[in-house]
Amino acid sequence: MKIAVATRGNDVDDHFGHCELYTLFNIDENNKIISSAILPSPQGCGCKSNIAAVLKELGVSVMLAGNMGSGALNILNNQGIEVYRGCSGGVRQLTEAFLEGKIGDSGQGCQQHEQHGEEHQCNH
């Protein structure tokens, strides 16, 4: 399995369409991270770029992100990529929490979001 995380610095970016890059994690059959790579973000809005097709081609099946609009969500879903919105914190810690079953989708698109003081989270 491959997981992509919309990234700014070493943290999840608040907005999928404007992230600096995507951190890609390769996951083994024991749900452990075995390697990671960086994919530069295309210029412009995520929903108007070809990033969903590129991620699918690379084998990505899960996207962890802060907020995103419905256009980007639909494009990713249409490529067979499962999206978890409302994420925050360090990308590696978040991915490990996801693999432990601690992360769910917020179900919310682009809106103001609250911080709960946790190191990593996705709203449930």
Protein backbone atom coordinates (compact mmCIF):
# COMPACT_ATOMS: atom_id res chain seq x y z
CA MET A 1 0.00 0.00 0.00
CA LYS A 2 1.08 3.59 -0.62
CA ILE A 3 -0.13 6.56 1.39
CA ALA A 4 0.27 10.17 0.24
CA VAL A 5 0.25 13.10 2.66
CA ALA A 6 -0.25 16.71 1.51
CA THR A 7 2.82 18.33 3.07
CA ARG A 8 4.24 21.76 3.97
CA GLY A 9 7.58 21.55 5.76
CA ASN A 10 7.29 18.35 7.83
CA ASP A 11 3.61 18.79 8.63
CA VAL A 12 0.29 18.13 6.95
CA ASP A 13 -0.68 21.14 4.84
CA ASP A 14 -3.94 22.83 5.82
CA HIS A 15 -5.05 22.95 2.20
CA PHE A 16 -4.50 20.10 -0.25
CA GLY A 17 -4.57 22.27 -3.38
CA HIS A 18 -1.77 24.57 -2.24
CA CYS A 19 0.65 22.15 -0.57
CA GLU A 20 4.40 22.32 -1.24
CA LEU A 21 4.73 18.62 -1.91
CA TYR A 22 3.35 15.16 -1.21
CA THR A 23 5.11 12.75 1.10
CA LEU A 24 4.63 9.19 -0.16
CA PHE A 25 4.93 6.30 2.29
CA ASN A 26 5.34 2.68 1.20
CA ILE A 27 3.61 0.36 3.66
CA ASP A 28 4.36 -3.35 4.07
CA GLU A 29 1.89 -6.17 4.75
CA ASN A 30 2.34 -5.62 8.51
CA ASN A 31 1.16 -1.99 8.25
CA LYS A 32 4.65 -0.63 8.85
CA ILE A 33 6.34 2.19 6.94
CA ILE A 34 9.19 0.71 4.90
CA SER A 35 10.21 3.77 2.88
CA SER A 36 9.21 7.29 1.96
CA ALA A 37 9.66 9.62 -0.99
CA ILE A 38 8.84 13.19 -1.95
CA LEU A 39 6.68 14.20 -4.91
CA PRO A 40 6.71 17.92 -5.77
CA SER A 41 3.28 19.51 -6.01
CA PRO A 42 2.21 20.72 -9.47
CA GLN A 43 1.63 24.45 -9.89
CA GLY A 44 -1.92 25.64 -9.37
CA CYS A 45 -4.99 24.24 -7.71
CA GLY A 46 -4.96 20.54 -6.83
CA CYS A 47 -8.37 19.89 -8.41
CA LYS A 48 -7.26 21.41 -11.73
CA SER A 49 -3.92 19.61 -11.89
CA ASN A 50 -3.26 16.03 -12.91
CA ILE A 51 -2.00 15.11 -9.42
CA ALA A 52 -4.75 12.54 -8.77
CA ALA A 53 -3.82 10.57 -11.91
CA VAL A 54 -0.11 10.84 -11.08
CA LEU A 55 -0.69 9.57 -7.52
CA LYS A 56 -2.82 6.68 -8.81
CA GLU A 57 -0.11 5.79 -11.35
CA LEU A 58 2.40 5.68 -8.48
CA GLY A 59 0.18 3.22 -6.62
CA VAL A 60 -1.26 5.58 -3.99
CA SER A 61 -4.50 4.30 -2.45
CA VAL A 62 -4.87 6.67 0.54
CA MET A 63 -4.53 10.48 0.83
CA LEU A 64 -4.16 12.13 4.23
CA ALA A 65 -4.78 15.88 4.05
CA GLY A 66 -5.92 18.97 5.90
CA ASN A 67 -8.84 20.54 4.13
CA MET A 68 -9.80 20.23 0.48
CA GLY A 69 -12.66 21.27 -1.69
CA SER A 70 -15.24 18.91 -3.14
CA GLY A 71 -13.64 19.10 -6.61
CA ALA A 72 -10.34 17.69 -5.37
CA LEU A 73 -12.13 15.10 -3.22
CA ASN A 74 -14.18 13.87 -6.20
CA ILE A 75 -11.15 13.70 -8.51
CA LEU A 76 -9.14 11.69 -5.96
CA ASN A 77 -12.10 9.38 -5.25
CA ASN A 78 -12.63 8.85 -8.99
CA GLN A 79 -9.02 7.61 -9.18
CA GLY A 80 -9.76 5.09 -6.42
CA ILE A 81 -7.87 7.06 -3.75
CA GLU A 82 -9.47 7.04 -0.31
CA VAL A 83 -9.29 10.51 1.28
CA TYR A 84 -9.03 11.41 4.97
CA ARG A 85 -9.60 15.13 5.59
CA GLY A 86 -9.11 17.20 8.71
CA CYS A 87 -5.60 15.89 9.41
CA SER A 88 -2.85 17.88 11.11
CA GLY A 89 0.57 17.41 12.69
CA GLY A 90 3.78 15.71 11.59
CA VAL A 91 3.40 13.62 8.44
CA ARG A 92 5.20 10.52 9.72
CA GLN A 93 3.43 10.54 13.10
CA LEU A 94 0.09 11.03 11.35
CA THR A 95 0.75 8.15 8.97
CA GLU A 96 1.72 5.86 11.85
CA ALA A 97 -1.49 6.83 13.68
CA PHE A 98 -3.47 6.06 10.51
CA LEU A 99 -1.85 2.63 10.27
CA GLU A 100 -2.85 1.99 13.90
CA GLY A 101 -6.49 2.72 13.00
CA LYS A 102 -6.61 6.00 14.93
CA ILE A 103 -7.47 8.30 12.01
CA GLY A 104 -10.84 8.96 10.42
CA ASP A 105 -12.15 11.41 7.83
CA SER A 106 -13.59 14.67 9.20
CA GLY A 107 -16.28 14.61 6.53
CA GLN A 108 -15.83 18.34 6.06
CA GLY A 109 -14.61 20.33 3.10
CA CYS A 110 -12.80 23.64 3.17
CA GLN A 111 -13.88 25.51 6.30
CA GLN A 112 -12.28 26.90 9.42
CA HIS A 113 -10.96 24.04 11.53
CA GLU A 114 -10.14 23.91 15.21
CA GLN A 115 -6.93 22.74 16.78
CA HIS A 116 -7.30 20.45 19.78
CA GLY A 117 -3.72 20.63 20.97
CA GLU A 118 -2.85 17.12 19.84
CA GLU A 119 0.43 16.35 18.11
CA HIS A 120 -1.40 14.69 15.22
CA GLN A 121 -5.04 14.27 14.49
CA CYS A 122 -7.84 13.91 12.05
CA ASN A 123 -11.26 14.94 13.23
CA HIS A 124 -13.69 12.05 13.54
